[in-house]
Protein backbone atom coordinates (compact mmCIF):
# COMPACT_ATOMS: atom_id res chain seq x y z
CA MET A 1 227.22 53.25 189.76
CA SER A 2 225.89 50.82 186.97
CA GLU A 3 222.77 50.92 185.67
CA LEU A 4 220.14 50.21 188.71
CA PRO A 5 217.32 47.62 188.69
CA LEU A 6 214.61 49.80 188.17
CA SER A 7 216.42 52.31 185.63
CA GLY A 8 214.01 53.25 182.62
CA VAL A 9 210.91 52.80 184.96
CA ARG A 10 208.63 55.75 185.02
CA VAL A 11 206.66 55.83 188.46
CA VAL A 12 203.53 58.32 188.92
CA ASP A 13 203.50 59.21 192.64
CA LEU A 14 199.97 60.29 193.71
CA THR A 15 201.07 59.72 197.42
CA ARG A 16 201.27 62.12 200.33
CA ALA A 17 202.38 61.95 204.35
CA LEU A 18 204.84 58.84 204.74
CA ALA A 19 203.66 55.22 203.67
CA GLY A 20 203.43 56.24 200.35
CA PRO A 21 206.42 58.67 199.85
CA PHE A 22 208.34 56.28 201.48
CA CYS A 23 207.64 53.05 198.95
CA THR A 24 208.20 55.56 196.13
CA SER A 25 211.75 56.73 197.51
CA LEU A 26 212.52 53.03 197.63
CA LEU A 27 211.76 52.91 194.09
CA GLY A 28 213.77 55.89 193.18
CA ASP A 29 216.79 54.41 195.14
CA PHE A 30 216.65 51.47 192.97
CA GLY A 31 216.83 54.29 189.83
CA ALA A 32 213.19 54.48 188.80
CA ASP A 33 212.09 57.94 187.54
CA VAL A 34 209.45 58.90 190.40
CA VAL A 35 207.10 61.90 189.40
CA LYS A 36 205.46 62.85 192.15
CA VAL A 37 202.11 64.92 191.38
CA GLU A 38 201.02 67.08 194.02
CA GLY A 39 197.93 69.43 194.56
CA LEU A 40 197.75 73.03 194.51
CA PRO A 41 197.84 75.18 196.49
CA LEU A 42 199.77 73.46 199.23
CA GLY A 43 200.96 70.30 197.55
CA ASP A 44 202.15 67.18 199.74
CA ALA A 45 200.63 67.76 203.40
CA THR A 46 204.27 67.16 205.11
CA ARG A 47 205.54 70.06 203.25
CA HIS A 48 203.83 72.06 206.08
CA TRP A 49 204.91 69.57 208.75
CA PRO A 50 207.27 70.57 211.72
CA PRO A 51 210.29 70.33 212.18
CA PHE A 52 211.53 73.19 209.91
CA ASN A 53 214.93 73.88 208.73
CA GLY A 54 214.11 77.62 207.59
CA ALA A 55 211.09 77.21 205.11
CA ARG A 56 211.85 73.60 204.53
CA SER A 57 210.13 70.76 206.28
CA LEU A 58 212.30 68.03 207.41
CA TYR A 59 209.74 65.79 207.73
CA PHE A 60 209.22 66.24 204.18
CA LEU A 61 212.69 65.87 203.32
CA SER A 62 213.15 62.63 204.89
CA THR A 63 211.10 60.53 202.38
CA ASN A 64 211.10 62.53 199.15
CA ARG A 65 214.43 62.08 197.93
CA ASN A 66 215.22 61.04 194.48
CA LYS A 67 212.01 62.29 192.89
CA ARG A 68 210.90 65.04 190.54
CA SER A 69 207.61 67.00 191.42
CA ILE A 70 204.81 68.64 189.35
CA ALA A 71 201.97 70.38 190.62
CA LEU A 72 198.78 70.69 189.22
CA ASP A 73 195.29 72.18 190.77
CA LEU A 74 193.45 68.65 190.38
CA ARG A 75 190.18 70.25 190.45
CA THR A 76 190.13 71.26 187.06
CA PRO A 77 189.94 69.53 183.88
CA GLU A 78 193.25 70.53 182.40
CA ALA A 79 195.09 69.11 185.35
CA LYS A 80 193.05 65.88 185.01
CA SER A 81 193.86 65.32 181.52
CA ILE A 82 197.34 66.22 182.55
CA LEU A 83 197.29 63.40 184.89
CA SER A 84 195.79 61.00 182.14
CA ASP A 85 198.85 61.59 180.20
CA LEU A 86 201.13 61.08 182.65
CA VAL A 87 199.84 57.92 183.69
CA ALA A 88 199.69 56.76 180.07
CA ASP A 89 203.31 57.40 179.81
CA ALA A 90 204.18 55.33 183.28
CA ASP A 91 204.96 52.00 184.27
CA VAL A 92 203.79 52.25 187.87
CA LEU A 93 201.10 54.38 189.38
CA VAL A 94 201.45 54.44 193.14
CA GLU A 95 198.47 56.17 195.38
CA ASN A 96 197.36 56.34 198.74
CA PHE A 97 193.74 58.06 198.53
CA ARG A 98 190.69 56.63 200.36
CA PRO A 99 189.11 53.75 198.07
CA GLY A 100 186.96 55.64 195.36
CA VAL A 101 189.14 59.01 195.47
CA LEU A 102 191.34 57.66 192.51
CA THR A 103 188.27 57.02 190.11
CA LYS A 104 187.03 60.84 191.00
CA LEU A 105 190.46 61.79 189.47
CA GLY A 106 189.47 59.93 186.00
CA LEU A 107 191.41 57.09 186.86
CA ASP A 108 189.28 54.09 187.79
CA PRO A 109 191.41 51.25 188.45
CA ALA A 110 189.23 48.91 186.95
CA ARG A 111 189.31 50.70 183.55
CA LEU A 112 193.00 51.30 183.56
CA ARG A 113 193.42 47.53 184.24
CA GLN A 114 191.53 47.07 180.93
CA GLU A 115 193.04 49.89 178.92
CA ARG A 116 196.85 49.17 180.06
CA PRO A 117 197.50 45.57 181.14
CA ASP A 118 201.18 46.49 181.36
CA LEU A 119 200.38 49.26 184.25
CA VAL A 120 201.38 48.25 187.85
CA ILE A 121 198.94 49.82 190.02
CA SER A 122 199.88 49.95 193.99
CA SER A 123 197.35 51.28 196.47
CA ILE A 124 197.81 51.97 200.15
CA SER A 125 194.89 52.52 202.37
CA GLY A 126 194.36 52.51 206.12
CA PHE A 127 192.17 49.32 206.78
CA GLY A 128 192.08 47.73 203.34
CA GLU A 129 189.74 47.76 200.34
CA VAL A 130 186.87 45.69 202.03
CA GLY A 131 185.17 45.93 205.31
CA PRO A 132 182.97 48.37 207.47
CA MET A 133 186.39 50.41 207.75
CA SER A 134 187.33 50.43 204.56
CA GLN A 135 186.28 54.21 203.91
CA ASP A 136 187.81 55.05 206.72
CA VAL A 137 191.01 57.69 207.32
CA GLY A 138 193.76 55.40 208.64
CA LEU A 139 197.06 56.75 210.77
CA ASP A 140 199.82 55.02 212.04
CA GLN A 141 199.02 55.36 215.57
CA VAL A 142 195.50 53.92 214.90
CA ALA A 143 196.91 50.86 213.09
CA GLN A 144 199.56 50.41 215.94
CA GLY A 145 196.79 50.55 218.54
CA MET A 146 194.46 48.33 216.44
CA ALA A 147 196.96 45.79 215.49
CA GLY A 148 198.06 45.20 219.12
CA LEU A 149 201.48 46.54 218.59
CA MET A 150 200.82 49.22 221.38
CA SER A 151 199.65 46.63 223.76
CA VAL A 152 203.02 44.68 223.85
CA THR A 153 205.21 48.05 224.04
CA GLY A 154 206.22 49.86 227.24
CA ALA A 155 206.34 48.30 230.48
CA GLY A 156 204.30 48.58 233.60
CA ASP A 157 202.46 51.74 233.82
CA GLN A 158 203.82 53.02 230.59
CA THR A 159 201.61 50.80 228.36
CA PRO A 160 200.11 50.77 226.17
CA MET A 161 202.73 52.61 224.52
CA ARG A 162 203.19 53.66 220.96
CA VAL A 163 206.62 53.05 218.77
CA GLY A 164 208.75 56.22 218.59
CA ILE A 165 208.37 56.45 215.17
CA PRO A 166 205.43 55.69 212.59
CA VAL A 167 206.84 52.13 211.94
CA VAL A 168 203.28 51.20 210.54
CA ASP A 169 203.41 53.78 207.90
CA LEU A 170 207.12 52.83 207.39
CA ALA A 171 206.18 49.14 206.98
CA ALA A 172 203.19 49.51 204.67
CA GLY A 173 205.50 51.64 202.44
CA MET A 174 208.13 49.20 202.46
CA LEU A 175 205.56 46.29 201.51
CA SER A 176 204.11 48.22 199.01
CA ALA A 177 207.59 48.88 197.28
CA PHE A 178 207.95 44.99 197.57
CA GLY A 179 204.79 44.65 195.61
CA VAL A 180 205.66 46.75 192.69
CA ALA A 181 209.08 45.15 192.31
CA ALA A 182 207.16 41.90 192.39
CA SER A 183 204.69 43.34 189.77
CA LEU A 184 207.07 44.27 187.56
CA ALA A 185 208.92 41.05 187.56
CA GLY A 186 205.50 39.36 186.74
CA ARG A 187 205.05 41.90 183.89
CA ALA A 188 208.80 40.90 182.78
CA HIS A 189 207.62 37.03 182.87
CA ASN A 190 204.40 37.24 181.28
CA GLY A 191 203.48 40.75 179.92
CA ARG A 192 200.80 41.47 182.51
CA ALA A 193 200.98 43.62 185.46
CA SER A 194 199.48 43.41 188.77
CA ARG A 195 197.27 45.74 190.78
CA VAL A 196 198.83 45.32 194.44
CA ASN A 197 197.00 46.76 197.99
CA ALA A 198 198.36 47.04 201.30
CA SER A 199 196.56 48.87 204.25
CA LEU A 200 198.26 50.05 207.43
CA LEU A 201 196.01 47.31 209.85
CA GLU A 202 197.11 44.54 207.64
CA SER A 203 200.88 45.47 207.46
CA ALA A 204 200.75 46.27 211.41
CA ILE A 205 199.10 42.76 212.08
CA SER A 206 201.64 40.92 210.05
CA MET A 207 204.41 42.41 211.79
CA MET A 208 203.46 40.73 215.26
CA THR A 209 204.48 37.41 213.87
CA PHE A 210 205.49 35.22 216.96
CA GLN A 211 203.35 37.10 219.11
CA ALA A 212 200.26 36.94 216.59
CA GLN A 213 200.92 32.90 216.18
CA ARG A 214 201.33 32.49 219.92
CA TYR A 215 197.75 33.63 220.27
CA LEU A 216 196.60 31.83 217.77
CA SER A 217 198.17 28.53 218.53
CA LEU A 218 198.13 28.77 222.29
CA GLY A 219 195.50 31.10 222.85
CA GLU A 220 198.11 33.16 224.82
CA VAL A 221 197.49 37.05 225.05
CA PRO A 222 201.04 38.41 225.44
CA ASP A 223 201.84 41.16 228.00
CA PRO A 224 204.37 44.03 227.41
CA GLN A 225 208.05 43.19 228.39
CA GLY A 226 209.45 46.56 228.18
CA ASN A 227 213.06 46.21 226.97
CA ASP A 228 213.17 42.58 227.10
CA HIS A 229 212.56 40.07 224.61
CA PRO A 230 209.39 38.45 225.51
CA LEU A 231 210.51 34.72 225.08
CA ILE A 232 213.92 34.84 225.50
CA SER A 233 216.42 35.38 228.46
CA PRO A 234 218.84 37.14 229.10
CA TYR A 235 217.85 39.30 225.88
CA GLY A 236 217.43 42.76 226.61
CA THR A 237 218.73 46.07 228.01
CA PHE A 238 221.07 46.03 230.69
CA GLN A 239 222.67 48.58 233.19
CA ALA A 240 226.44 49.15 233.09
CA SER A 241 228.15 51.96 235.46
CA ASP A 242 228.03 54.79 232.69
CA GLY A 243 224.38 53.69 231.00
CA SER A 244 222.84 51.18 229.07
CA LEU A 245 223.67 48.18 226.77
CA ASN A 246 221.92 45.49 224.91
CA VAL A 247 222.81 42.10 225.03
CA ALA A 248 220.92 39.42 223.05
CA VAL A 249 221.99 35.56 224.08
CA GLY A 250 220.23 33.59 221.61
CA SER A 251 222.03 30.05 222.29
CA GLN A 252 223.37 27.91 225.45
CA ALA A 253 226.97 28.71 224.30
CA GLN A 254 226.45 32.48 224.19
CA TRP A 255 224.77 32.28 228.00
CA VAL A 256 228.06 30.34 228.90
CA SER A 257 230.46 32.78 227.30
CA LEU A 258 228.12 35.75 229.10
CA CYS A 259 228.64 34.21 232.59
CA ASP A 260 232.22 33.63 231.90
CA VAL A 261 232.80 37.26 230.57
CA LEU A 262 231.05 38.48 233.48
CA GLY A 263 233.42 36.46 235.93
CA SER A 264 230.15 34.50 237.31
CA PRO A 265 230.76 31.03 235.44
CA GLU A 266 228.71 29.33 238.38
CA LEU A 267 225.72 30.97 237.16
CA ALA A 268 225.76 29.20 233.82
CA SER A 269 225.04 25.70 235.65
CA ARG A 270 223.04 27.33 238.55
CA PRO A 271 219.43 25.17 238.51
CA GLU A 272 217.18 28.26 237.82
CA TYR A 273 219.09 29.45 235.12
CA ALA A 274 220.72 26.28 233.68
CA GLU A 275 218.10 25.86 230.61
CA PRO A 276 216.38 28.72 228.28
CA ALA A 277 212.76 28.11 229.78
CA GLN A 278 214.12 28.22 233.35
CA ARG A 279 215.92 31.62 232.51
CA THR A 280 212.83 33.08 231.18
CA HIS A 281 210.89 31.86 233.86
CA ASN A 282 213.25 33.58 236.34
CA ARG A 283 213.86 36.26 234.49
CA ARG A 284 213.34 39.13 236.95
CA ALA A 285 215.79 37.42 239.52
CA LEU A 286 218.25 36.92 236.59
CA SER A 287 217.99 40.66 235.45
CA ASP A 288 218.92 41.91 238.90
CA GLU A 289 221.91 39.55 239.10
CA LEU A 290 223.34 40.72 235.53
CA ASN A 291 222.90 44.05 236.39
CA ALA A 292 224.73 43.90 239.39
CA LEU A 293 227.52 42.69 237.64
CA PHE A 294 226.90 44.99 234.32
CA MET A 295 227.26 48.08 236.94
CA THR A 296 231.14 47.10 237.97
CA ARG A 297 232.34 48.34 234.38
CA PRO A 298 231.57 51.00 231.75
CA ALA A 299 229.34 49.56 228.87
CA ASP A 300 232.16 50.01 226.21
CA ASP A 301 234.27 47.62 228.25
CA TRP A 302 231.54 45.00 228.44
CA MET A 303 230.86 45.32 224.73
CA ALA A 304 234.39 44.81 223.59
CA ALA A 305 234.65 41.67 225.94
CA LEU A 306 231.24 40.51 225.00
CA ARG A 307 232.09 40.90 221.28
CA GLN A 308 235.47 38.77 221.76
CA VAL A 309 233.40 35.73 222.74
CA GLY A 310 230.75 36.14 220.22
CA VAL A 311 227.73 37.47 222.48
CA PRO A 312 225.67 40.00 220.19
CA CYS A 313 225.50 43.48 222.02
CA GLY A 314 225.41 46.94 221.17
CA PRO A 315 224.88 50.39 222.65
CA VAL A 316 221.98 52.37 223.57
CA TYR A 317 222.39 55.45 221.65
CA ALA A 318 220.49 58.80 221.25
CA MET A 319 220.58 60.09 217.90
CA ASP A 320 223.87 62.17 218.02
CA GLU A 321 225.34 59.50 219.20
CA VAL A 322 224.41 57.34 216.27
CA PHE A 323 225.80 59.62 213.61
CA ALA A 324 229.13 59.71 215.60
CA ASP A 325 229.42 55.70 215.70
CA ALA A 326 232.55 54.60 213.55
CA GLN A 327 229.84 51.61 212.28
CA VAL A 328 227.55 54.01 211.23
CA GLN A 329 230.21 56.54 209.72
CA ALA A 330 231.57 53.44 207.83
CA LEU A 331 228.20 52.73 206.05
CA GLY A 332 227.97 56.27 204.86
CA MET A 333 224.28 56.84 205.63
CA VAL A 334 224.56 60.35 205.59
CA ARG A 335 224.80 62.49 202.08
CA THR A 336 225.37 65.89 201.44
CA VAL A 337 223.07 66.97 198.39
CA GLY A 338 223.94 70.44 196.67
CA GLU A 339 226.45 72.99 197.84
CA GLY A 340 226.28 76.08 200.05
CA PRO A 341 223.43 77.17 202.06
CA GLU A 342 221.12 75.29 199.76
CA ALA A 343 222.31 72.09 200.64
CA ASP A 344 220.70 69.30 202.32
CA VAL A 345 221.88 67.05 204.65
CA LEU A 346 220.22 63.55 204.22
CA LEU A 347 220.13 59.86 204.98
CA ARG A 348 220.46 57.61 201.88
CA GLY A 349 218.16 54.66 201.11
CA PRO A 350 219.06 51.70 203.31
CA LEU A 351 220.02 49.22 200.61
CA TRP A 352 222.99 48.05 198.51
CA VAL A 353 223.14 47.33 195.00
CA ASP A 354 226.49 45.30 193.35
CA GLU A 355 228.49 46.35 196.52
CA GLN A 356 227.01 49.90 196.05
CA ALA A 357 225.05 51.90 198.61
CA SER A 358 221.94 53.41 197.59
CA GLY A 359 222.53 57.14 196.40
CA ILE A 360 220.75 60.36 195.99
CA THR A 361 220.59 61.48 192.71
CA ARG A 362 218.09 64.21 193.29
CA ARG A 363 217.34 65.87 196.79
CA PRO A 364 213.75 66.43 197.92
CA PRO A 365 212.47 68.69 195.38
CA LEU A 366 210.48 72.18 195.64
CA LEU A 367 206.71 72.10 195.01
CA GLY A 368 206.27 72.06 191.09
CA GLU A 369 210.13 72.23 190.45
CA HIS A 370 210.00 70.02 187.63
CA SER A 371 206.56 70.80 186.49
CA ARG A 372 208.04 72.59 183.05
CA GLU A 373 210.09 69.59 182.32
CA VAL A 374 207.68 66.71 182.89
CA LEU A 375 205.27 68.35 180.73
CA HIS A 376 207.84 68.91 178.01
CA GLU A 377 208.84 65.31 178.06
CA LEU A 378 204.97 64.69 177.64
CA GLY A 379 204.60 66.60 174.25
CA TYR A 380 203.45 69.94 175.90
CA VAL A 381 204.78 72.95 173.75
CA ASP A 382 206.05 76.20 176.00
CA ASP A 383 202.81 78.56 174.98
CA LEU A 384 200.80 75.92 176.45
CA VAL A 385 202.75 75.32 179.49
CA ASP A 386 203.01 79.10 180.19
CA ASN A 387 199.33 79.53 179.73
CA LEU A 388 198.45 76.78 182.36
CA VAL A 389 200.85 78.19 184.61
CA ARG A 390 199.27 81.65 184.06
CA ARG A 391 196.03 80.28 184.96
CA GLY A 392 196.97 78.44 187.86
CA VAL A 393 196.22 75.11 186.42
CA VAL A 394 200.21 74.23 186.94
CA GLY A 395 202.29 75.12 189.38
CA THR A 396 206.10 76.08 189.47
CA ALA A 397 209.06 75.91 192.14
CA ASP A 398 209.49 80.15 191.73
CA ARG A 399 205.53 80.33 192.97
CA ASP A 400 206.82 77.52 195.54
CA ILE A 401 209.75 79.48 196.94
CA ALA A 402 207.26 82.82 197.29
CA ALA A 403 204.51 80.66 199.06
CA ALA A 404 207.19 79.08 201.40
CA GLN A 405 208.73 82.41 202.43
CA SER A 406 205.49 83.67 203.57
CA THR A 407 204.81 80.62 205.55
CA ALA A 408 208.23 81.05 207.40
CA GLU A 409 207.25 84.46 207.95
CA ALA A 410 203.83 83.79 209.27
CA ARG A 411 205.43 81.62 211.54
CA SER A 412 208.13 83.59 212.80
C-alpha cells in the first residue's frame, strides 16, 4: 500500500476499555504510529475481560490492532517523566480518564496547550467536562439509557432494551478519531492544533438524529418499533418460509415493485396502502398481509427476486453466517496476522484508502511488548532501560507472558 494519510504521525494512547482504543485503532489503520501506554501491573483492563482464547482476551484483540505497547508504573516519578518524554515527541495525545486525572499525571491540558500549540489533545469522557455529572464514571449502557436509545429499542414487554453491542462506545471512538483528523488538518493549515472533547452521552444523543428532532420539533416522544422503521412502512423484518429477511421500501416505485414480486400487484393501489403515510398508519395490518405472502417461499428466493427489481433487502444473520457470506468474503474483512499457534484471526478496519482496504500491520500487542523499542527511540540507553525494568518502573512482554500464563492457570 502507498503511504497512508497519517504516516509519520505519532499518537500517544492513554486510553483503555473500548471508546478510546477504538479511536486509536482507527488512527492506526490510517498509518499513525500509535504507542499505547499501559499502567502496571495489569495494563488495559480489557486484557482481563472475557471471552478468552488461551490467555489472551478477545475483547482486547478486537480494538488494539496496529499499536505498540509500553508498560509503565505510572505511580512512580520516573514513569511520569517517561510519559512526559513520550508526549513531547508526539503529534497527538488521546485519553479517556475522568476530568482531572491527566493533570495528576503531570500532563495538565492547559499547560500542554501553552507549551505545545502543535499538539492535538483528544479527551473522551462519560458525560462531558461540564455539568453536575462531569466527574462521574460513564459506561456505554448508562449512556444508552440516558440518551433515550434504550427507550426506542426492542418491542412490547422487551423494552427498554440495550443495543447488542456497546454502540455508544464505538460512536464516541469514531467521533474522536474524526476530531483528531480534523485537528491535524487544521494544524497543517494554520500551524495550531486543537483540543477536541467527546463524551459518551453527547455521542449517544447525537445518534438519536431524527428521533431527537421529532421530539424537539413536534413534541412527540417516540415509541419502540422493534424491527420496523418508526416512520416508514414496509421497512423492517419479515418472515419467509425458512427464516427472516429485511426489506426496506424507500420509495413509491419500490413499493409497487415489491407488490409485483409478491404476486399481489393490487396491494399497491389498495386505498389503505396506496400512500406512504397510509402504509405507516396501517402498518400492523400491512405487515400481516406481507408476512403471509413471504411465508410461501424461502428467504433466498425472495431476496434474489427483489434485488432484480431494485428493492433493498438482505438476510438476517447469526455471526457464523456473516463470515460465510460471499459479499463479506469479497470485502476481505478477516485477516490472519502471524503464523502457527501464535497467529491471530482479526477484523481489519472498516475503511479503504486509494482502492486499498485497511491493513493490519501490527497484531494487538502484548503488555509492554515494545517498551524497550520505544524507550530506545526516545534516547534511553540500554543500561538505564535495564535498571527501569529491574525496578518495575517499566514492564516488558516477557513478564506479561508469565503473568498471563499465571492468570490463565488460575481461571482453569
